Amino acid sequence: MCKDTINVFELLEKFPTEKAVRMWFENQPWNGTPICPHCGFDNTHRMTRDNGEYIRCRDCDKRFTVRVGTIMHRSHIGFCKWLFTMYIIVTARKGISSLQLSKELGNRQASAWFLMHRIQAACEDGDQLLQNVVEIDETYCWTKPLRREGAAPSDKTQPGQAGTKKVRFFEKRLYLYDYKSVFPLF
């Protein structure tokens, strides 16, 4: 049996601290050598204050972190919560609401909504055309016929009866997440 994902306990074993998660996020784009997002040079050094999160470029003399230019840019949410949210979104079979995610993270619902939308935007493929068979479901919805105030009832509905109008519509199901594109570690 092939194991596709890791469980929560394995995630906590691999990333026990905020620093371990930050180092993993730094190794993904840079492979150990930080590159300045402002000028593109790799002549950088880690600043000792702020727990070593900030890196200073020696060429353009600007400070940056691994968050700059990513979905975590200008976010004060910790790296552990970002990683855990990515894990939950990828492994949730039927999806997860922002309200439920806020309870899992201990954040406000607005922060959970922000995290979810940033991660979902990063998972999108853009304007890529669908290649395989698309599952389409059909259903019928009914509505009451609209009537202006003071107008006589139409001949389709009798007083005391609710008229129905059947409308056929199609829903296209798209799956935005692919755990291998979000987590190359898994």
N, C-alpha and C. Protein backbone atom coordinates (compact mmCIF):
# COMPACT_ATOMS: atom_id res chain seq x y z
N MET A 1 0.84 -1.18 0.00
CA MET A 1 0.00 0.00 0.00
C MET A 1 0.89 1.24 0.00
N CYS A 2 0.65 2.12 -0.94
CA CYS A 2 1.44 3.34 -1.08
C CYS A 2 0.87 4.43 -0.17
N LYS A 3 1.75 5.08 0.55
CA LYS A 3 1.32 6.12 1.47
C LYS A 3 1.44 7.47 0.76
N ASP A 4 0.32 8.17 0.60
CA ASP A 4 0.31 9.42 -0.15
C ASP A 4 0.63 10.63 0.71
N THR A 5 0.16 10.66 1.94
CA THR A 5 0.35 11.83 2.78
C THR A 5 0.94 11.41 4.12
N ILE A 6 1.30 12.40 4.90
CA ILE A 6 1.76 12.13 6.26
C ILE A 6 0.64 12.52 7.21
N ASN A 7 0.67 11.97 8.41
CA ASN A 7 -0.36 12.34 9.38
C ASN A 7 0.13 13.51 10.23
N VAL A 8 -0.72 13.99 11.10
CA VAL A 8 -0.41 15.17 11.90
C VAL A 8 0.79 14.93 12.81
N PHE A 9 0.90 13.72 13.36
CA PHE A 9 2.01 13.42 14.27
C PHE A 9 3.35 13.44 13.53
N GLU A 10 3.38 12.92 12.31
CA GLU A 10 4.60 12.98 11.51
C GLU A 10 4.95 14.41 11.14
N LEU A 11 3.93 15.23 10.88
CA LEU A 11 4.16 16.64 10.58
C LEU A 11 4.79 17.35 11.78
N LEU A 12 4.28 17.06 12.98
CA LEU A 12 4.83 17.68 14.19
C LEU A 12 6.23 17.17 14.50
N GLU A 13 6.54 15.92 14.15
CA GLU A 13 7.89 15.39 14.37
C GLU A 13 8.89 16.05 13.43
N LYS A 14 8.49 16.28 12.18
CA LYS A 14 9.40 16.89 11.20
C LYS A 14 9.59 18.37 11.46
N PHE A 15 8.56 19.04 11.97
CA PHE A 15 8.61 20.48 12.20
C PHE A 15 8.19 20.80 13.62
N PRO A 16 9.08 20.58 14.61
CA PRO A 16 8.68 20.79 16.00
C PRO A 16 8.64 22.25 16.43
N THR A 17 9.42 23.12 15.76
CA THR A 17 9.50 24.52 16.19
C THR A 17 9.25 25.45 15.02
N GLU A 18 9.02 26.71 15.36
CA GLU A 18 8.83 27.76 14.35
C GLU A 18 10.09 27.92 13.50
N LYS A 19 11.25 27.79 14.13
CA LYS A 19 12.52 27.93 13.41
C LYS A 19 12.70 26.80 12.39
N ALA A 20 12.31 25.59 12.74
CA ALA A 20 12.43 24.46 11.82
C ALA A 20 11.54 24.66 10.59
N VAL A 21 10.34 25.19 10.81
CA VAL A 21 9.43 25.45 9.69
C VAL A 21 9.99 26.56 8.82
N ARG A 22 10.52 27.63 9.45
CA ARG A 22 11.10 28.74 8.68
C ARG A 22 12.28 28.27 7.85
N MET A 23 13.13 27.42 8.42
CA MET A 23 14.28 26.91 7.68
C MET A 23 13.83 26.05 6.50
N TRP A 24 12.75 25.28 6.68
CA TRP A 24 12.23 24.48 5.57
C TRP A 24 11.69 25.38 4.46
N PHE A 25 10.96 26.46 4.84
CA PHE A 25 10.47 27.40 3.84
C PHE A 25 11.62 28.11 3.13
N GLU A 26 12.71 28.38 3.84
CA GLU A 26 13.86 29.03 3.22
C GLU A 26 14.59 28.09 2.26
N ASN A 27 14.65 26.82 2.57
CA ASN A 27 15.36 25.87 1.70
C ASN A 27 14.59 25.54 0.43
N GLN A 28 13.29 25.77 0.39
CA GLN A 28 12.52 25.44 -0.81
C GLN A 28 12.94 26.28 -2.01
N PRO A 29 12.91 27.61 -1.95
CA PRO A 29 13.31 28.36 -3.15
C PRO A 29 14.81 28.60 -3.27
N TRP A 30 15.55 28.61 -2.16
CA TRP A 30 16.94 29.04 -2.18
C TRP A 30 17.96 27.92 -2.10
N ASN A 31 17.58 26.76 -1.64
CA ASN A 31 18.51 25.63 -1.44
C ASN A 31 19.70 26.00 -0.56
N GLY A 32 19.45 26.74 0.52
CA GLY A 32 20.49 27.05 1.48
C GLY A 32 21.21 28.37 1.25
N THR A 33 21.13 28.96 0.05
CA THR A 33 21.79 30.23 -0.23
C THR A 33 20.72 31.28 -0.50
N PRO A 34 20.46 32.19 0.46
CA PRO A 34 19.42 33.20 0.25
C PRO A 34 19.77 34.15 -0.89
N ILE A 35 18.79 34.45 -1.72
CA ILE A 35 18.95 35.36 -2.85
C ILE A 35 18.05 36.56 -2.60
N CYS A 36 18.61 37.75 -2.76
CA CYS A 36 17.87 38.98 -2.49
C CYS A 36 16.74 39.14 -3.52
N PRO A 37 15.49 39.33 -3.06
CA PRO A 37 14.39 39.52 -4.02
C PRO A 37 14.39 40.91 -4.66
N HIS A 38 15.17 41.84 -4.10
CA HIS A 38 15.20 43.20 -4.61
C HIS A 38 16.20 43.36 -5.76
N CYS A 39 17.41 42.81 -5.58
CA CYS A 39 18.44 42.99 -6.62
C CYS A 39 18.87 41.68 -7.28
N GLY A 40 18.58 40.53 -6.67
CA GLY A 40 18.88 39.24 -7.28
C GLY A 40 20.25 38.67 -6.93
N PHE A 41 21.04 39.34 -6.11
CA PHE A 41 22.36 38.83 -5.74
C PHE A 41 22.26 37.91 -4.53
N ASP A 42 23.26 37.04 -4.39
CA ASP A 42 23.27 36.11 -3.25
C ASP A 42 24.30 36.51 -2.20
N ASN A 43 24.80 37.73 -2.26
CA ASN A 43 25.76 38.23 -1.28
C ASN A 43 24.97 38.74 -0.08
N THR A 44 24.56 37.83 0.81
CA THR A 44 23.69 38.17 1.92
C THR A 44 24.27 37.63 3.22
N HIS A 45 23.77 38.16 4.32
CA HIS A 45 24.09 37.58 5.62
C HIS A 45 22.87 37.70 6.53
N ARG A 46 22.77 36.75 7.45
CA ARG A 46 21.63 36.67 8.36
C ARG A 46 21.85 37.64 9.52
N MET A 47 20.82 38.41 9.85
CA MET A 47 20.89 39.35 10.97
C MET A 47 20.64 38.59 12.26
N THR A 48 21.36 38.94 13.31
CA THR A 48 21.27 38.19 14.57
C THR A 48 20.03 38.55 15.38
N ARG A 49 19.51 39.75 15.24
CA ARG A 49 18.30 40.11 15.99
C ARG A 49 17.08 39.49 15.30
N ASP A 50 15.96 39.51 15.96
CA ASP A 50 14.70 38.93 15.47
C ASP A 50 14.84 37.45 15.17
N ASN A 51 15.60 36.73 15.99
CA ASN A 51 15.77 35.28 15.88
C ASN A 51 16.33 34.83 14.54
N GLY A 52 17.04 35.69 13.86
CA GLY A 52 17.67 35.32 12.59
C GLY A 52 16.71 35.22 11.43
N GLU A 53 15.50 35.75 11.57
CA GLU A 53 14.53 35.66 10.48
C GLU A 53 14.89 36.61 9.35
N TYR A 54 15.45 37.77 9.68
CA TYR A 54 15.76 38.76 8.66
C TYR A 54 17.14 38.50 8.06
N ILE A 55 17.21 38.75 6.76
CA ILE A 55 18.46 38.60 6.01
C ILE A 55 18.73 39.95 5.36
N ARG A 56 20.00 40.38 5.37
CA ARG A 56 20.35 41.66 4.77
C ARG A 56 21.23 41.43 3.56
N CYS A 57 20.90 42.12 2.47
CA CYS A 57 21.69 42.03 1.25
C CYS A 57 22.86 43.00 1.36
N ARG A 58 24.06 42.53 1.05
CA ARG A 58 25.24 43.40 1.13
C ARG A 58 25.38 44.29 -0.09
N ASP A 59 24.69 43.98 -1.17
CA ASP A 59 24.79 44.80 -2.38
C ASP A 59 23.82 45.99 -2.35
N CYS A 60 22.54 45.74 -2.09
CA CYS A 60 21.56 46.83 -2.09
C CYS A 60 21.22 47.31 -0.69
N ASP A 61 21.75 46.64 0.35
CA ASP A 61 21.58 47.02 1.75
C ASP A 61 20.11 47.02 2.19
N LYS A 62 19.31 46.11 1.65
CA LYS A 62 17.91 46.00 2.06
C LYS A 62 17.71 44.72 2.85
N ARG A 63 16.76 44.79 3.80
CA ARG A 63 16.41 43.61 4.60
C ARG A 63 15.26 42.87 3.94
N PHE A 64 15.25 41.56 4.11
CA PHE A 64 14.14 40.76 3.60
C PHE A 64 14.05 39.47 4.39
N THR A 65 12.93 38.80 4.23
CA THR A 65 12.72 37.48 4.84
C THR A 65 12.29 36.53 3.74
N VAL A 66 12.06 35.30 4.12
CA VAL A 66 11.59 34.31 3.15
C VAL A 66 10.15 34.62 2.72
N ARG A 67 9.45 35.45 3.45
CA ARG A 67 8.07 35.79 3.12
C ARG A 67 7.96 36.71 1.90
N VAL A 68 8.98 37.50 1.61
CA VAL A 68 8.92 38.50 0.55
C VAL A 68 8.73 37.81 -0.80
N GLY A 69 7.72 38.24 -1.54
CA GLY A 69 7.45 37.70 -2.86
C GLY A 69 6.72 36.37 -2.86
N THR A 70 6.20 35.94 -1.72
CA THR A 70 5.46 34.68 -1.64
C THR A 70 4.04 34.97 -1.18
N ILE A 71 3.26 33.91 -0.98
CA ILE A 71 1.89 34.11 -0.50
C ILE A 71 1.88 34.58 0.95
N MET A 72 3.01 34.46 1.64
CA MET A 72 3.09 34.89 3.04
C MET A 72 3.52 36.35 3.18
N HIS A 73 3.68 37.06 2.07
CA HIS A 73 4.17 38.43 2.07
C HIS A 73 3.22 39.34 2.86
N ARG A 74 3.78 40.17 3.72
CA ARG A 74 3.05 41.12 4.57
C ARG A 74 2.03 40.43 5.48
N SER A 75 2.40 39.27 5.95
CA SER A 75 1.54 38.52 6.87
C SER A 75 2.28 38.37 8.19
N HIS A 76 1.57 38.59 9.27
CA HIS A 76 2.18 38.43 10.60
C HIS A 76 1.82 37.08 11.22
N ILE A 77 1.22 36.21 10.44
CA ILE A 77 0.87 34.88 10.92
C ILE A 77 2.11 34.01 10.88
N GLY A 78 2.33 33.23 11.92
CA GLY A 78 3.54 32.43 12.04
C GLY A 78 3.67 31.35 10.98
N PHE A 79 4.91 30.91 10.78
CA PHE A 79 5.19 29.88 9.78
C PHE A 79 4.50 28.56 10.11
N CYS A 80 4.41 28.23 11.40
CA CYS A 80 3.76 26.98 11.79
C CYS A 80 2.29 26.97 11.38
N LYS A 81 1.62 28.11 11.56
CA LYS A 81 0.21 28.18 11.18
C LYS A 81 0.04 28.13 9.67
N TRP A 82 0.97 28.72 8.92
CA TRP A 82 0.92 28.62 7.46
C TRP A 82 1.07 27.17 7.02
N LEU A 83 2.05 26.48 7.57
CA LEU A 83 2.29 25.09 7.19
C LEU A 83 1.13 24.20 7.59
N PHE A 84 0.61 24.39 8.80
CA PHE A 84 -0.51 23.58 9.26
C PHE A 84 -1.76 23.83 8.42
N THR A 85 -1.98 25.09 8.02
CA THR A 85 -3.12 25.40 7.16
C THR A 85 -2.97 24.74 5.80
N MET A 86 -1.77 24.76 5.25
CA MET A 86 -1.53 24.08 3.97
C MET A 86 -1.80 22.59 4.10
N TYR A 87 -1.36 22.03 5.21
CA TYR A 87 -1.58 20.60 5.45
C TYR A 87 -3.08 20.28 5.54
N ILE A 88 -3.82 21.10 6.28
CA ILE A 88 -5.25 20.86 6.46
C ILE A 88 -6.00 21.00 5.13
N ILE A 89 -5.68 22.03 4.35
CA ILE A 89 -6.37 22.24 3.08
C ILE A 89 -6.10 21.09 2.12
N VAL A 90 -4.88 20.62 2.08
CA VAL A 90 -4.53 19.55 1.14
C VAL A 90 -5.12 18.22 1.57
N THR A 91 -5.21 17.94 2.86
CA THR A 91 -5.66 16.63 3.31
C THR A 91 -7.16 16.56 3.61
N ALA A 92 -7.85 17.69 3.68
CA ALA A 92 -9.30 17.66 3.96
C ALA A 92 -10.03 17.12 2.73
N ARG A 93 -10.72 16.02 2.90
CA ARG A 93 -11.38 15.36 1.77
C ARG A 93 -12.51 16.19 1.17
N LYS A 94 -13.31 16.80 2.03
CA LYS A 94 -14.45 17.57 1.54
C LYS A 94 -14.24 19.06 1.70
N GLY A 95 -13.01 19.48 1.90
CA GLY A 95 -12.74 20.89 2.12
C GLY A 95 -12.97 21.26 3.58
N ILE A 96 -12.67 22.50 3.89
CA ILE A 96 -12.84 22.98 5.26
C ILE A 96 -13.28 24.44 5.19
N SER A 97 -14.16 24.81 6.07
CA SER A 97 -14.64 26.19 6.09
C SER A 97 -13.65 27.06 6.86
N SER A 98 -13.72 28.35 6.61
CA SER A 98 -12.83 29.26 7.32
C SER A 98 -13.18 29.32 8.80
N LEU A 99 -14.44 29.10 9.13
CA LEU A 99 -14.83 29.09 10.54
C LEU A 99 -14.22 27.90 11.27
N GLN A 100 -14.28 26.73 10.64
CA GLN A 100 -13.67 25.54 11.25
C GLN A 100 -12.16 25.69 11.33
N LEU A 101 -11.55 26.25 10.28
CA LEU A 101 -10.11 26.45 10.29
C LEU A 101 -9.70 27.43 11.39
N SER A 102 -10.51 28.45 11.63
CA SER A 102 -10.18 29.40 12.69
C SER A 102 -10.20 28.73 14.06
N LYS A 103 -11.11 27.77 14.24
CA LYS A 103 -11.14 27.03 15.50
C LYS A 103 -9.93 26.12 15.64
N GLU A 104 -9.49 25.52 14.53
CA GLU A 104 -8.32 24.63 14.56
C GLU A 104 -7.04 25.42 14.86
N LEU A 105 -6.93 26.63 14.30
CA LEU A 105 -5.72 27.43 14.45
C LEU A 105 -5.72 28.32 15.69
N GLY A 106 -6.90 28.63 16.21
CA GLY A 106 -6.99 29.57 17.33
C GLY A 106 -6.87 31.01 16.87
N ASN A 107 -7.20 31.28 15.63
CA ASN A 107 -7.18 32.63 15.07
C ASN A 107 -8.60 33.12 14.87
N ARG A 108 -8.69 34.38 14.40
CA ARG A 108 -9.99 34.90 14.02
C ARG A 108 -10.43 34.27 12.70
N GLN A 109 -11.72 34.33 12.41
CA GLN A 109 -12.24 33.76 11.18
C GLN A 109 -11.71 34.53 9.97
N ALA A 110 -11.53 35.83 10.09
CA ALA A 110 -11.01 36.63 8.98
C ALA A 110 -9.58 36.23 8.63
N SER A 111 -8.78 35.92 9.63
CA SER A 111 -7.40 35.47 9.38
C SER A 111 -7.39 34.11 8.70
N ALA A 112 -8.28 33.23 9.12
CA ALA A 112 -8.37 31.91 8.49
C ALA A 112 -8.83 32.03 7.04
N TRP A 113 -9.77 32.93 6.79
CA TRP A 113 -10.24 33.17 5.42
C TRP A 113 -9.10 33.69 4.56
N PHE A 114 -8.31 34.62 5.11
CA PHE A 114 -7.15 35.18 4.41
C PHE A 114 -6.16 34.07 4.05
N LEU A 115 -5.84 33.22 5.02
CA LEU A 115 -4.91 32.11 4.77
C LEU A 115 -5.43 31.19 3.67
N MET A 116 -6.69 30.81 3.76
CA MET A 116 -7.26 29.89 2.78
C MET A 116 -7.22 30.47 1.38
N HIS A 117 -7.57 31.73 1.23
CA HIS A 117 -7.60 32.33 -0.10
C HIS A 117 -6.21 32.52 -0.68
N ARG A 118 -5.24 32.85 0.15
CA ARG A 118 -3.87 32.95 -0.35
C ARG A 118 -3.35 31.59 -0.82
N ILE A 119 -3.62 30.55 -0.05
CA ILE A 119 -3.14 29.21 -0.40
C ILE A 119 -3.87 28.70 -1.64
N GLN A 120 -5.18 28.93 -1.73
CA GLN A 120 -5.92 28.50 -2.91
C GLN A 120 -5.46 29.23 -4.16
N ALA A 121 -5.13 30.52 -4.04
CA ALA A 121 -4.63 31.27 -5.19
C ALA A 121 -3.28 30.73 -5.64
N ALA A 122 -2.46 30.27 -4.70
CA ALA A 122 -1.16 29.70 -5.07
C ALA A 122 -1.30 28.35 -5.75
N CYS A 123 -2.38 27.64 -5.48
CA CYS A 123 -2.60 26.31 -6.07
C CYS A 123 -3.21 26.36 -7.45
N GLU A 124 -3.71 27.51 -7.89
CA GLU A 124 -4.36 27.58 -9.19
C GLU A 124 -3.35 27.42 -10.31
N ASP A 125 -3.81 26.82 -11.41
CA ASP A 125 -2.96 26.62 -12.57
C ASP A 125 -3.10 27.74 -13.59
N GLY A 126 -3.97 28.68 -13.37
CA GLY A 126 -4.17 29.76 -14.32
C GLY A 126 -5.23 29.39 -15.34
N ASP A 127 -4.98 29.73 -16.59
CA ASP A 127 -5.95 29.49 -17.66
C ASP A 127 -5.68 28.19 -18.40
N GLN A 128 -5.34 27.18 -17.69
CA GLN A 128 -5.05 25.89 -18.30
C GLN A 128 -6.35 25.20 -18.69
N LEU A 129 -6.41 24.68 -19.92
CA LEU A 129 -7.60 23.99 -20.38
C LEU A 129 -7.67 22.60 -19.77
N LEU A 130 -8.89 22.13 -19.56
CA LEU A 130 -9.09 20.79 -19.01
C LEU A 130 -8.79 19.75 -20.08
N GLN A 131 -8.09 18.69 -19.71
CA GLN A 131 -7.67 17.68 -20.67
C GLN A 131 -8.52 16.41 -20.62
N ASN A 132 -8.95 16.00 -19.46
CA ASN A 132 -9.65 14.74 -19.29
C ASN A 132 -11.16 14.95 -19.24
N VAL A 133 -11.87 13.90 -18.92
CA VAL A 133 -13.33 13.95 -18.82
C VAL A 133 -13.71 14.78 -17.60
N VAL A 134 -14.67 15.68 -17.78
CA VAL A 134 -15.14 16.54 -16.70
C VAL A 134 -16.48 15.98 -16.21
N GLU A 135 -16.61 15.82 -14.91
CA GLU A 135 -17.86 15.32 -14.33
C GLU A 135 -18.86 16.47 -14.24
N ILE A 136 -20.03 16.27 -14.82
CA ILE A 136 -21.06 17.30 -14.82
C ILE A 136 -22.32 16.69 -14.21
N ASP A 137 -22.88 17.36 -13.22
CA ASP A 137 -24.12 16.92 -12.60
C ASP A 137 -25.24 17.84 -13.05
N GLU A 138 -26.43 17.30 -13.20
CA GLU A 138 -27.56 18.14 -13.54
C GLU A 138 -28.58 18.09 -12.41
N THR A 139 -29.30 19.16 -12.28
CA THR A 139 -30.32 19.22 -11.24
C THR A 139 -31.39 20.21 -11.68
N TYR A 140 -32.53 20.15 -11.05
CA TYR A 140 -33.61 21.09 -11.33
C TYR A 140 -33.83 21.95 -10.11
N CYS A 141 -33.97 23.24 -10.34
CA CYS A 141 -34.26 24.19 -9.27
C CYS A 141 -35.60 24.84 -9.59
N TRP A 142 -36.33 25.19 -8.58
CA TRP A 142 -37.61 25.85 -8.81
C TRP A 142 -37.61 27.19 -8.12
N THR A 143 -38.37 28.10 -8.70
CA THR A 143 -38.54 29.42 -8.11
C THR A 143 -40.01 29.81 -8.22
N LYS A 144 -40.42 30.67 -7.35
CA LYS A 144 -41.77 31.23 -7.48
C LYS A 144 -41.73 32.27 -8.59
N PRO A 145 -42.78 32.32 -9.42
CA PRO A 145 -42.80 33.36 -10.44
C PRO A 145 -42.87 34.73 -9.78
N LEU A 146 -42.11 35.67 -10.31
CA LEU A 146 -42.09 37.02 -9.76
C LEU A 146 -43.35 37.77 -10.19
N ARG A 147 -43.90 38.57 -9.29
CA ARG A 147 -45.11 39.33 -9.58
C ARG A 147 -44.92 40.73 -9.01
N ARG A 148 -45.19 41.70 -9.84
CA ARG A 148 -45.10 43.07 -9.36
C ARG A 148 -46.23 43.38 -8.39
N GLU A 149 -45.98 44.31 -7.51
CA GLU A 149 -46.99 44.67 -6.52
C GLU A 149 -48.20 45.30 -7.20
N GLY A 150 -49.37 44.78 -6.89
CA GLY A 150 -50.61 45.30 -7.47
C GLY A 150 -51.00 44.64 -8.78
N ALA A 151 -50.15 43.82 -9.35
CA ALA A 151 -50.48 43.17 -10.62
C ALA A 151 -51.34 41.95 -10.35
N ALA A 152 -52.14 41.61 -11.33
CA ALA A 152 -53.01 40.44 -11.20
C ALA A 152 -52.17 39.18 -11.29
N PRO A 153 -52.60 38.12 -10.61
CA PRO A 153 -51.84 36.88 -10.71
C PRO A 153 -51.88 36.33 -12.13
N SER A 154 -50.78 35.72 -12.53
CA SER A 154 -50.73 35.17 -13.88
C SER A 154 -51.59 33.91 -13.95
N ASP A 155 -51.89 33.51 -15.17
CA ASP A 155 -52.75 32.34 -15.34
C ASP A 155 -52.01 31.03 -15.05
N LYS A 156 -50.69 31.09 -14.90
CA LYS A 156 -49.93 29.88 -14.63
C LYS A 156 -50.06 29.44 -13.17
N THR A 157 -50.33 30.37 -12.28
CA THR A 157 -50.45 30.01 -10.87
C THR A 157 -51.84 30.37 -10.38
N GLN A 158 -52.40 29.51 -9.61
CA GLN A 158 -53.70 29.75 -9.02
C GLN A 158 -53.49 30.30 -7.61
N PRO A 159 -54.39 31.12 -7.11
CA PRO A 159 -54.24 31.61 -5.73
C PRO A 159 -54.23 30.44 -4.75
N GLY A 160 -53.27 30.47 -3.85
CA GLY A 160 -53.15 29.40 -2.86
C GLY A 160 -52.22 28.29 -3.30
N GLN A 161 -51.73 28.33 -4.53
CA GLN A 161 -50.79 27.32 -5.00
C GLN A 161 -49.45 27.98 -5.27
N ALA A 162 -48.41 27.26 -4.98
CA ALA A 162 -47.07 27.77 -5.29
C ALA A 162 -46.70 27.23 -6.66
N GLY A 163 -46.46 28.12 -7.58
CA GLY A 163 -46.05 27.69 -8.92
C GLY A 163 -44.57 27.39 -8.95
N THR A 164 -44.18 26.50 -9.80
CA THR A 164 -42.77 26.16 -9.92
C THR A 164 -42.34 26.36 -11.36
N LYS A 165 -41.13 26.79 -11.50
CA LYS A 165 -40.53 26.95 -12.82
C LYS A 165 -39.25 26.13 -12.81
N LYS A 166 -39.15 25.16 -13.68
CA LYS A 166 -37.99 24.30 -13.69
C LYS A 166 -36.91 24.91 -14.56
N VAL A 167 -35.72 24.98 -14.00
CA VAL A 167 -34.58 25.53 -14.71
C VAL A 167 -33.48 24.49 -14.68
N ARG A 168 -32.88 24.25 -15.81
CA ARG A 168 -31.80 23.27 -15.88
C ARG A 168 -30.48 24.02 -15.91
N PHE A 169 -29.57 23.62 -15.06
CA PHE A 169 -28.25 24.24 -15.08
C PHE A 169 -27.19 23.20 -14.83
N PHE A 170 -25.98 23.53 -15.19
CA PHE A 170 -24.85 22.61 -15.04
C PHE A 170 -23.84 23.22 -14.09
N GLU A 171 -23.18 22.36 -13.38
CA GLU A 171 -22.14 22.79 -12.45
C GLU A 171 -20.85 22.12 -12.86
N LYS A 172 -19.81 22.90 -13.00
CA LYS A 172 -18.51 22.34 -13.36
C LYS A 172 -17.70 22.18 -12.09
N ARG A 173 -17.20 20.99 -11.83
CA ARG A 173 -16.40 20.74 -10.64
C ARG A 173 -14.94 20.82 -11.00
N LEU A 174 -14.24 21.67 -10.28
CA LEU A 174 -12.80 21.82 -10.47
C LEU A 174 -12.12 21.52 -9.15
N TYR A 175 -11.06 20.79 -9.20
CA TYR A 175 -10.29 20.49 -8.01
C TYR A 175 -9.01 21.32 -8.08
N LEU A 176 -8.90 22.28 -7.17
CA LEU A 176 -7.79 23.23 -7.22
C LEU A 176 -6.52 22.70 -6.61
N TYR A 177 -6.61 21.73 -5.72
CA TYR A 177 -5.44 21.36 -4.95
C TYR A 177 -4.82 20.08 -5.50
N ASP A 178 -3.54 20.08 -5.49
CA ASP A 178 -2.78 18.86 -5.75
C ASP A 178 -1.67 18.88 -4.70
N TYR A 179 -1.71 17.95 -3.77
CA TYR A 179 -0.80 18.03 -2.63
C TYR A 179 0.65 17.95 -3.06
N LYS A 180 0.96 17.32 -4.19
CA LYS A 180 2.36 17.23 -4.62
C LYS A 180 2.89 18.57 -5.12
N SER A 181 2.02 19.44 -5.65
CA SER A 181 2.48 20.74 -6.09
C SER A 181 2.64 21.70 -4.92
N VAL A 182 1.86 21.52 -3.86
CA VAL A 182 1.97 22.40 -2.69
C VAL A 182 3.09 21.93 -1.77
N PHE A 183 3.18 20.62 -1.57
CA PHE A 183 4.16 20.07 -0.66
C PHE A 183 5.07 19.10 -1.40
N PRO A 184 6.20 19.57 -1.92
CA PRO A 184 7.11 18.61 -2.55
C PRO A 184 7.72 17.66 -1.54
N LEU A 185 7.58 17.97 -0.24
CA LEU A 185 8.13 17.11 0.81
C LEU A 185 7.37 15.80 0.90
N PHE A 186 6.08 15.82 0.66
CA PHE A 186 5.25 14.65 0.81
C PHE A 186 5.43 13.77 -0.39
